[in-house]
Amino acid sequence: MALTPRQNDILSLIKKSGQVGVDDLAAQFDVSTQTIRKDLNELAQRGLASRVHGGAMPRASIANVAYEERRQMASSEKQLIGRLAATLIPNNCSIMLNIGTTTEQVARALSGHSDLVVISNNVNIINSLSGSASKELILAGGTVRQSDGAIVGDAAVEFISRFKVDFAIIGASAMDDDGAVLDFDLREVSVARAILRNARTRILVCDSQKFERTAPVRVCDISEIDYFVTDRMPSREFQAACEKGGTSILSTETQDERRIA
């Protein structure tokens, strides 16, 4: 579910002040300290802030949230995003998907498609499609990172560069209103860039919480994406960046494709 207006205001204060206290927030918003603690716990559970004694502070942006924790964050929104993104993919085509909890949901939504060639550096994606009808599954070569099933590094980049597919589907860890698509690990980003380079149509799947986070490594600009699939329409500034780049926004909130051009 989306953050409440109060939780959004609290998050803004955390980013601005560096640290906030329960008592001060309760007085500022004229609610009980118990209500504020619930708000702060919710922000912490979503990976948007870190709880400290008596309050909260910004979560460090140099490290990502653990993979299993990310799976639980906005899980219902990611399922809907996955289903909507899958409607862009016809039968009898080739696709590449990168590591990520949202791209995993896209893969699950593709289980009913036929005659697909699916290439991924994500062991979880290949496993989720194993046994589904009429699919050729290709796993990128390299060392498997056991924490999340990712295959990253130069070997994976070189492997992916051997292909040219119809569709690329990537996720990201953070988004900026200016159109920057961001992530944490340079090795993961190198693979994502290779996937984008070697595809005819490029799709980005991200839930709206990614606009509330930041990450240090640039994957690409939104202008390099053909379709952005999300759960809620982004800010006007981001929509303007999509308009400038000719990127289509699809929102599960409306179930309608909105061409910003």
C-alpha atoms as a PDB file:
ATOM      1  CA  MET A   1       0.000   0.000   0.000  1.00  0.00           C
ATOM      2  CA  ALA A   2       1.045   3.601  -0.564  1.00  0.00           C
ATOM      3  CA  LEU A   3       2.383   5.733   2.257  1.00  0.00           C
ATOM      4  CA  THR A   4      -0.120   7.946   4.053  1.00  0.00           C
ATOM      5  CA  PRO A   5       0.242  11.739   3.698  1.00  0.00           C
ATOM      6  CA  ARG A   6       1.596  11.899   7.256  1.00  0.00           C
ATOM      7  CA  GLN A   7       4.144   9.164   6.564  1.00  0.00           C
ATOM      8  CA  ASN A   8       5.274  11.025   3.439  1.00  0.00           C
ATOM      9  CA  ASP A   9       5.677  14.202   5.486  1.00  0.00           C
ATOM     10  CA  ILE A  10       7.640  12.310   8.149  1.00  0.00           C
ATOM     11  CA  LEU A  11       9.888  10.808   5.477  1.00  0.00           C
ATOM     12  CA  SER A  12      10.569  14.297   4.100  1.00  0.00           C
ATOM     13  CA  LEU A  13      11.491  15.508   7.592  1.00  0.00           C
ATOM     14  CA  ILE A  14      13.842  12.552   8.070  1.00  0.00           C
ATOM     15  CA  LYS A  15      15.608  13.320   4.795  1.00  0.00           C
ATOM     16  CA  LYS A  16      15.826  17.029   5.630  1.00  0.00           C
ATOM     17  CA  SER A  17      16.749  16.852   9.322  1.00  0.00           C
ATOM     18  CA  GLY A  18      18.833  13.685   9.388  1.00  0.00           C
ATOM     19  CA  GLN A  19      17.092  12.379  12.508  1.00  0.00           C
ATOM     20  CA  VAL A  20      13.658  12.851  14.060  1.00  0.00           C
ATOM     21  CA  GLY A  21      12.227  12.090  17.492  1.00  0.00           C
ATOM     22  CA  VAL A  22       8.951  10.389  18.362  1.00  0.00           C
ATOM     23  CA  ASP A  23       7.854  13.041  20.859  1.00  0.00           C
ATOM     24  CA  ASP A  24       8.579  15.946  18.530  1.00  0.00           C
ATOM     25  CA  LEU A  25       6.719  14.280  15.660  1.00  0.00           C
ATOM     26  CA  ALA A  26       3.729  13.493  17.860  1.00  0.00           C
ATOM     27  CA  ALA A  27       3.497  17.146  18.880  1.00  0.00           C
ATOM     28  CA  GLN A  28       3.995  18.392  15.328  1.00  0.00           C
ATOM     29  CA  PHE A  29       1.296  16.166  13.814  1.00  0.00           C
ATOM     30  CA  ASP A  30      -0.985  16.249  16.864  1.00  0.00           C
ATOM     31  CA  VAL A  31      -1.198  12.463  17.179  1.00  0.00           C
ATOM     32  CA  SER A  32      -0.155   9.981  19.843  1.00  0.00           C
ATOM     33  CA  THR A  33       3.406   8.727  20.229  1.00  0.00           C
ATOM     34  CA  GLN A  34       2.064   5.225  19.558  1.00  0.00           C
ATOM     35  CA  THR A  35       0.787   6.384  16.156  1.00  0.00           C
ATOM     36  CA  ILE A  36       4.170   7.921  15.331  1.00  0.00           C
ATOM     37  CA  ARG A  37       5.983   4.733  16.345  1.00  0.00           C
ATOM     38  CA  LYS A  38       3.746   2.766  13.974  1.00  0.00           C
ATOM     39  CA  ASP A  39       4.549   5.233  11.188  1.00  0.00           C
ATOM     40  CA  LEU A  40       8.290   4.963  11.824  1.00  0.00           C
ATOM     41  CA  ASN A  41       8.116   1.178  11.994  1.00  0.00           C
ATOM     42  CA  GLU A  42       6.297   1.135   8.665  1.00  0.00           C
ATOM     43  CA  LEU A  43       8.952   3.347   7.063  1.00  0.00           C
ATOM     44  CA  ALA A  44      11.683   1.100   8.479  1.00  0.00           C
ATOM     45  CA  GLN A  45       9.971  -2.069   7.238  1.00  0.00           C
ATOM     46  CA  ARG A  46       9.806  -0.600   3.756  1.00  0.00           C
ATOM     47  CA  GLY A  47      13.513   0.188   3.834  1.00  0.00           C
ATOM     48  CA  LEU A  48      12.914   3.940   3.721  1.00  0.00           C
ATOM     49  CA  ALA A  49      14.374   4.833   7.128  1.00  0.00           C
ATOM     50  CA  SER A  50      16.285   3.296  10.019  1.00  0.00           C
ATOM     51  CA  ARG A  51      14.792   3.104  13.513  1.00  0.00           C
ATOM     52  CA  VAL A  52      16.927   4.427  16.329  1.00  0.00           C
ATOM     53  CA  HIS A  53      16.185   4.819  20.028  1.00  0.00           C
ATOM     54  CA  GLY A  54      13.415   7.403  20.357  1.00  0.00           C
ATOM     55  CA  GLY A  55      13.021   8.082  16.647  1.00  0.00           C
ATOM     56  CA  ALA A  56      14.379   7.415  13.166  1.00  0.00           C
ATOM     57  CA  MET A  57      17.103   8.504  10.767  1.00  0.00           C
ATOM     58  CA  PRO A  58      17.750   8.124   7.025  1.00  0.00           C
ATOM     59  CA  ARG A  59      18.668   4.703   5.788  1.00  0.00           C
ATOM     60  CA  ALA A  60      22.158   4.595   4.293  1.00  0.00           C
ATOM     61  CA  SER A  61      21.989   4.726   0.492  1.00  0.00           C
ATOM     62  CA  ILE A  62      25.261   2.884  -0.131  1.00  0.00           C
ATOM     63  CA  ALA A  63      23.765  -0.531   0.574  1.00  0.00           C
ATOM     64  CA  ASN A  64      20.664  -2.218  -0.716  1.00  0.00           C
ATOM     65  CA  VAL A  65      17.956  -3.891   1.344  1.00  0.00           C
ATOM     66  CA  ALA A  66      18.358  -7.658   1.738  1.00  0.00           C
ATOM     67  CA  TYR A  67      16.796  -9.624  -1.112  1.00  0.00           C
ATOM     68  CA  GLU A  68      14.224 -11.516   0.950  1.00  0.00           C
ATOM     69  CA  GLU A  69      13.185  -8.268   2.606  1.00  0.00           C
ATOM     70  CA  ARG A  70      12.781  -6.652  -0.818  1.00  0.00           C
ATOM     71  CA  ARG A  71      10.525  -9.524  -1.869  1.00  0.00           C
ATOM     72  CA  GLN A  72       8.117  -8.532   0.904  1.00  0.00           C
ATOM     73  CA  MET A  73       8.172  -4.818   0.124  1.00  0.00           C
ATOM     74  CA  ALA A  74       5.213  -3.762  -2.075  1.00  0.00           C
ATOM     75  CA  SER A  75       4.699  -7.426  -2.975  1.00  0.00           C
ATOM     76  CA  SER A  76       1.088  -7.018  -4.164  1.00  0.00           C
ATOM     77  CA  GLU A  77       2.041  -3.984  -6.247  1.00  0.00           C
ATOM     78  CA  LYS A  78       4.869  -5.942  -7.861  1.00  0.00           C
ATOM     79  CA  GLN A  79       2.515  -8.777  -8.772  1.00  0.00           C
ATOM     80  CA  LEU A  80       0.199  -6.347 -10.544  1.00  0.00           C
ATOM     81  CA  ILE A  81       3.132  -4.677 -12.287  1.00  0.00           C
ATOM     82  CA  GLY A  82       4.339  -8.086 -13.442  1.00  0.00           C
ATOM     83  CA  ARG A  83       0.956  -8.951 -14.928  1.00  0.00           C
ATOM     84  CA  LEU A  84       0.666  -5.611 -16.702  1.00  0.00           C
ATOM     85  CA  ALA A  85       4.192  -5.814 -18.116  1.00  0.00           C
ATOM     86  CA  ALA A  86       3.472  -9.339 -19.387  1.00  0.00           C
ATOM     87  CA  THR A  87       0.677  -7.937 -21.572  1.00  0.00           C
ATOM     88  CA  LEU A  88       3.348  -6.134 -23.607  1.00  0.00           C
ATOM     89  CA  ILE A  89       5.015  -9.432 -24.491  1.00  0.00           C
ATOM     90  CA  PRO A  90       3.524 -11.465 -27.367  1.00  0.00           C
ATOM     91  CA  ASN A  91       3.967 -15.178 -27.914  1.00  0.00           C
ATOM     92  CA  ASN A  92       6.783 -16.324 -30.168  1.00  0.00           C
ATOM     93  CA  CYS A  93       9.431 -13.769 -29.202  1.00  0.00           C
ATOM     94  CA  SER A  94      12.714 -13.454 -27.298  1.00  0.00           C
ATOM     95  CA  ILE A  95      13.197 -11.596 -24.012  1.00  0.00           C
ATOM     96  CA  MET A  96      15.912 -10.850 -21.463  1.00  0.00           C
ATOM     97  CA  LEU A  97      15.233 -10.116 -17.791  1.00  0.00           C
ATOM     98  CA  ASN A  98      17.685  -8.947 -15.152  1.00  0.00           C
ATOM     99  CA  ILE A  99      17.968  -9.629 -11.428  1.00  0.00           C
ATOM    100  CA  GLY A 100      15.169  -8.230  -9.275  1.00  0.00           C
ATOM    101  CA  THR A 101      12.047  -9.029  -7.311  1.00  0.00           C
ATOM    102  CA  THR A 102       9.791  -7.196  -9.785  1.00  0.00           C
ATOM    103  CA  THR A 103      11.275  -8.891 -12.845  1.00  0.00           C
ATOM    104  CA  GLU A 104      10.619 -12.187 -11.059  1.00  0.00           C
ATOM    105  CA  GLN A 105       6.940 -11.253 -10.968  1.00  0.00           C
ATOM    106  CA  VAL A 106       7.020 -10.504 -14.695  1.00  0.00           C
ATOM    107  CA  ALA A 107       8.478 -13.967 -15.299  1.00  0.00           C
ATOM    108  CA  ARG A 108       5.704 -15.591 -13.264  1.00  0.00           C
ATOM    109  CA  ALA A 109       3.107 -13.687 -15.291  1.00  0.00           C
ATOM    110  CA  LEU A 110       4.707 -15.028 -18.495  1.00  0.00           C
ATOM    111  CA  SER A 111       4.165 -18.651 -17.513  1.00  0.00           C
ATOM    112  CA  GLY A 112       1.157 -18.933 -19.843  1.00  0.00           C
ATOM    113  CA  HIS A 113       2.969 -17.520 -22.876  1.00  0.00           C
ATOM    114  CA  SER A 114       4.215 -19.896 -25.548  1.00  0.00           C
ATOM    115  CA  ASP A 115       7.214 -20.090 -27.870  1.00  0.00           C
ATOM    116  CA  LEU A 116       9.367 -17.742 -25.818  1.00  0.00           C
ATOM    117  CA  VAL A 117      13.138 -17.630 -25.655  1.00  0.00           C
ATOM    118  CA  VAL A 118      13.957 -16.322 -22.160  1.00  0.00           C
ATOM    119  CA  ILE A 119      17.475 -15.219 -21.232  1.00  0.00           C
ATOM    120  CA  SER A 120      18.340 -14.079 -17.725  1.00  0.00           C
ATOM    121  CA  ASN A 121      21.130 -13.612 -15.216  1.00  0.00           C
ATOM    122  CA  ASN A 122      18.587 -14.434 -12.493  1.00  0.00           C
ATOM    123  CA  VAL A 123      18.459 -18.063 -11.326  1.00  0.00           C
ATOM    124  CA  ASN A 124      15.079 -17.407  -9.685  1.00  0.00           C
ATOM    125  CA  ILE A 125      13.534 -16.376 -13.010  1.00  0.00           C
ATOM    126  CA  ILE A 126      14.759 -19.466 -14.817  1.00  0.00           C
ATOM    127  CA  ASN A 127      13.532 -21.671 -11.966  1.00  0.00           C
ATOM    128  CA  SER A 128      10.091 -20.025 -11.950  1.00  0.00           C
ATOM    129  CA  LEU A 129       9.640 -20.722 -15.673  1.00  0.00           C
ATOM    130  CA  SER A 130      11.014 -24.260 -15.616  1.00  0.00           C
ATOM    131  CA  GLY A 131       8.298 -26.689 -16.656  1.00  0.00           C
ATOM    132  CA  SER A 132       6.073 -24.056 -18.295  1.00  0.00           C
ATOM    133  CA  ALA A 133       5.028 -24.791 -21.864  1.00  0.00           C
ATOM    134  CA  SER A 134       6.997 -24.001 -25.004  1.00  0.00           C
ATOM    135  CA  LYS A 135       9.873 -21.978 -23.626  1.00  0.00           C
ATOM    136  CA  GLU A 136      13.596 -22.103 -24.252  1.00  0.00           C
ATOM    137  CA  LEU A 137      15.349 -20.988 -21.073  1.00  0.00           C
ATOM    138  CA  ILE A 138      18.921 -19.663 -21.167  1.00  0.00           C
ATOM    139  CA  LEU A 139      20.835 -18.809 -17.999  1.00  0.00           C
ATOM    140  CA  ALA A 140      23.792 -16.439 -18.266  1.00  0.00           C
ATOM    141  CA  GLY A 141      27.108 -18.022 -17.386  1.00  0.00           C
ATOM    142  CA  GLY A 142      29.197 -16.992 -14.399  1.00  0.00           C
ATOM    143  CA  THR A 143      29.347 -17.230 -10.636  1.00  0.00           C
ATOM    144  CA  VAL A 144      26.004 -17.383  -8.804  1.00  0.00           C
ATOM    145  CA  ARG A 145      25.593 -14.968  -5.894  1.00  0.00           C
ATOM    146  CA  GLN A 146      23.787 -17.184  -3.408  1.00  0.00           C
ATOM    147  CA  SER A 147      22.134 -14.342  -1.493  1.00  0.00           C
ATOM    148  CA  ASP A 148      19.782 -13.557  -4.381  1.00  0.00           C
ATOM    149  CA  GLY A 149      20.486 -15.900  -7.290  1.00  0.00           C
ATOM    150  CA  ALA A 150      22.190 -13.212  -9.370  1.00  0.00           C
ATOM    151  CA  ILE A 151      24.890 -13.878 -11.936  1.00  0.00           C
ATOM    152  CA  VAL A 152      26.897 -10.702 -12.345  1.00  0.00           C
ATOM    153  CA  GLY A 153      30.273  -9.529 -13.583  1.00  0.00           C
ATOM    154  CA  ASP A 154      32.209  -9.467 -16.845  1.00  0.00           C
ATOM    155  CA  ALA A 155      31.356 -13.062 -17.793  1.00  0.00           C
ATOM    156  CA  ALA A 156      27.615 -12.336 -17.589  1.00  0.00           C
ATOM    157  CA  VAL A 157      28.010  -9.116 -19.616  1.00  0.00           C
ATOM    158  CA  GLU A 158      29.974 -10.945 -22.311  1.00  0.00           C
ATOM    159  CA  PHE A 159      27.408 -13.754 -22.418  1.00  0.00           C
ATOM    160  CA  ILE A 160      24.445 -11.394 -22.811  1.00  0.00           C
ATOM    161  CA  SER A 161      26.256  -9.461 -25.535  1.00  0.00           C
ATOM    162  CA  ARG A 162      26.037 -12.536 -27.777  1.00  0.00           C
ATOM    163  CA  PHE A 163      22.285 -12.052 -28.181  1.00  0.00           C
ATOM    164  CA  LYS A 164      19.873  -9.551 -29.725  1.00  0.00           C
ATOM    165  CA  VAL A 165      16.349 -10.001 -28.364  1.00  0.00           C
ATOM    166  CA  ASP A 166      12.925  -8.528 -29.006  1.00  0.00           C
ATOM    167  CA  PHE A 167      12.316  -7.304 -25.433  1.00  0.00           C
ATOM    168  CA  ALA A 168      14.441  -6.314 -22.436  1.00  0.00           C
ATOM    169  CA  ILE A 169      12.759  -6.160 -19.024  1.00  0.00           C
ATOM    170  CA  ILE A 170      14.772  -4.631 -16.216  1.00  0.00           C
ATOM    171  CA  GLY A 171      14.135  -3.467 -12.675  1.00  0.00           C
ATOM    172  CA  ALA A 172      15.979  -0.863 -10.617  1.00  0.00           C
ATOM    173  CA  SER A 173      16.479   0.045  -6.963  1.00  0.00           C
ATOM    174  CA  ALA A 174      15.730   3.759  -7.127  1.00  0.00           C
ATOM    175  CA  MET A 175      14.350   6.479  -9.389  1.00  0.00           C
ATOM    176  CA  ASP A 176      14.909  10.224  -9.443  1.00  0.00           C
ATOM    177  CA  ASP A 177      12.320  12.757 -10.559  1.00  0.00           C
ATOM    178  CA  ASP A 178      14.745  13.997 -13.238  1.00  0.00           C
ATOM    179  CA  GLY A 179      14.479  10.628 -15.013  1.00  0.00           C
ATOM    180  CA  ALA A 180      17.572   8.890 -13.653  1.00  0.00           C
ATOM    181  CA  VAL A 181      17.244   5.101 -13.203  1.00  0.00           C
ATOM    182  CA  LEU A 182      19.546   3.982 -10.371  1.00  0.00           C
ATOM    183  CA  ASP A 183      20.942   0.930  -8.610  1.00  0.00           C
ATOM    184  CA  PHE A 184      23.524  -0.014  -5.984  1.00  0.00           C
ATOM    185  CA  ASP A 185      25.898  -2.587  -7.473  1.00  0.00           C
ATOM    186  CA  LEU A 186      28.069  -1.586 -10.433  1.00  0.00           C
ATOM    187  CA  ARG A 187      28.302  -5.235 -11.493  1.00  0.00           C
ATOM    188  CA  GLU A 188      24.512  -5.549 -11.638  1.00  0.00           C
ATOM    189  CA  VAL A 189      24.286  -2.257 -13.499  1.00  0.00           C
ATOM    190  CA  SER A 190      26.790  -3.459 -16.113  1.00  0.00           C
ATOM    191  CA  VAL A 191      24.577  -6.465 -16.817  1.00  0.00           C
ATOM    192  CA  ALA A 192      21.426  -4.298 -16.972  1.00  0.00           C
ATOM    193  CA  ARG A 193      23.115  -1.960 -19.456  1.00  0.00           C
ATOM    194  CA  ALA A 194      24.141  -4.918 -21.617  1.00  0.00           C
ATOM    195  CA  ILE A 195      20.557  -6.183 -21.589  1.00  0.00           C
ATOM    196  CA  LEU A 196      19.261  -2.776 -22.704  1.00  0.00           C
ATOM    197  CA  ARG A 197      21.881  -2.479 -25.449  1.00  0.00           C
ATOM    198  CA  ASN A 198      20.933  -5.827 -26.929  1.00  0.00           C
ATOM    199  CA  ALA A 199      17.152  -5.435 -27.145  1.00  0.00           C
ATOM    200  CA  ARG A 200      14.791  -3.881 -29.663  1.00  0.00           C
ATOM    201  CA  THR A 201      12.176  -2.811 -27.089  1.00  0.00           C
ATOM    202  CA  ARG A 202      13.134  -1.831 -23.537  1.00  0.00           C
ATOM    203  CA  ILE A 203      10.783  -2.109 -20.538  1.00  0.00           C
ATOM    204  CA  LEU A 204      11.432  -0.838 -17.006  1.00  0.00           C
ATOM    205  CA  VAL A 205       9.359  -2.250 -14.130  1.00  0.00           C
ATOM    206  CA  CYS A 206       9.454  -0.417 -10.780  1.00  0.00           C
ATOM    207  CA  ASP A 207       6.964   0.188  -7.986  1.00  0.00           C
ATOM    208  CA  SER A 208       6.344   3.739  -6.778  1.00  0.00           C
ATOM    209  CA  GLN A 209       8.355   3.229  -3.573  1.00  0.00           C
ATOM    210  CA  LYS A 210      11.495   3.421  -5.719  1.00  0.00           C
ATOM    211  CA  PHE A 211      10.906   7.186  -5.995  1.00  0.00           C
ATOM    212  CA  GLU A 212      11.310   7.377  -2.216  1.00  0.00           C
ATOM    213  CA  ARG A 213      14.773   5.787  -2.300  1.00  0.00           C
ATOM    214  CA  THR A 214      18.153   6.723  -3.699  1.00  0.00           C
ATOM    215  CA  ALA A 215      21.109   4.733  -5.026  1.00  0.00           C
ATOM    216  CA  PRO A 216      24.554   5.780  -6.272  1.00  0.00           C
ATOM    217  CA  VAL A 217      24.962   4.066  -9.669  1.00  0.00           C
ATOM    218  CA  ARG A 218      23.184   5.250 -12.812  1.00  0.00           C
ATOM    219  CA  VAL A 219      21.686   2.476 -14.959  1.00  0.00           C
ATOM    220  CA  CYS A 220      20.283   4.738 -17.665  1.00  0.00           C
ATOM    221  CA  ASP A 221      17.979   7.682 -18.262  1.00  0.00           C
ATOM    222  CA  ILE A 222      14.246   7.124 -18.649  1.00  0.00           C
ATOM    223  CA  SER A 223      14.603   8.355 -22.258  1.00  0.00           C
ATOM    224  CA  GLU A 224      16.419   5.087 -23.010  1.00  0.00           C
ATOM    225  CA  ILE A 225      13.296   3.123 -21.975  1.00  0.00           C
ATOM    226  CA  ASP A 226      10.314   2.477 -24.258  1.00  0.00           C
ATOM    227  CA  TYR A 227       7.809   1.479 -21.558  1.00  0.00           C
ATOM    228  CA  PHE A 228       7.812   2.270 -17.850  1.00  0.00           C
ATOM    229  CA  VAL A 229       5.425  -0.006 -15.923  1.00  0.00           C
ATOM    230  CA  THR A 230       4.555   1.007 -12.354  1.00  0.00           C
ATOM    231  CA  ASP A 231       1.738   0.914  -9.816  1.00  0.00           C
ATOM    232  CA  ARG A 232       1.054   4.639  -9.584  1.00  0.00           C
ATOM    233  CA  MET A 233       1.535   7.613 -11.880  1.00  0.00           C
ATOM    234  CA  PRO A 234       4.818   9.354 -11.006  1.00  0.00           C
ATOM    235  CA  SER A 235       5.436  13.021 -10.293  1.00  0.00           C
ATOM    236  CA  ARG A 236       4.826  15.675 -12.922  1.00  0.00           C
ATOM    237  CA  GLU A 237       8.575  16.198 -13.207  1.00  0.00           C
ATOM    238  CA  PHE A 238       9.132  12.526 -13.999  1.00  0.00           C
ATOM    239  CA  GLN A 239       6.214  12.525 -16.429  1.00  0.00           C
ATOM    240  CA  ALA A 240       7.856  15.476 -18.183  1.00  0.00           C
ATOM    241  CA  ALA A 241      11.092  13.484 -18.475  1.00  0.00           C
ATOM    242  CA  CYS A 242       9.098  10.633 -20.021  1.00  0.00           C
ATOM    243  CA  GLU A 243       7.416  13.061 -22.416  1.00  0.00           C
ATOM    244  CA  LYS A 244      10.766  14.455 -23.490  1.00  0.00           C
ATOM    245  CA  GLY A 245      12.188  10.967 -24.042  1.00  0.00           C
ATOM    246  CA  GLY A 246       9.099   9.491 -25.723  1.00  0.00           C
ATOM    247  CA  THR A 247       8.601   6.894 -22.982  1.00  0.00           C
ATOM    248  CA  SER A 248       5.154   5.365 -22.428  1.00  0.00           C
ATOM    249  CA  ILE A 249       3.951   5.062 -18.831  1.00  0.00           C
ATOM    250  CA  LEU A 250       1.685   2.152 -17.894  1.00  0.00           C
ATOM    251  CA  SER A 251       0.158   2.275 -14.432  1.00  0.00           C
ATOM    252  CA  THR A 252      -1.691  -0.550 -12.714  1.00  0.00           C
ATOM    253  CA  GLU A 253      -3.639   2.178 -10.949  1.00  0.00           C
ATOM    254  CA  THR A 254      -5.435   3.042 -14.174  1.00  0.00           C
ATOM    255  CA  GLN A 255      -4.797  -0.101 -16.257  1.00  0.00           C
ATOM    256  CA  ASP A 256      -4.439   2.232 -19.199  1.00  0.00           C
ATOM    257  CA  GLU A 257      -1.394   2.981 -21.285  1.00  0.00           C
ATOM    258  CA  ARG A 258      -0.678   6.685 -21.144  1.00  0.00           C
ATOM    259  CA  ARG A 259       1.523   8.023 -23.889  1.00  0.00           C
ATOM    260  CA  ILE A 260       3.338  11.084 -22.577  1.00  0.00           C
ATOM    261  CA  ALA A 261       4.269  12.668 -25.861  1.00  0.00           C
END
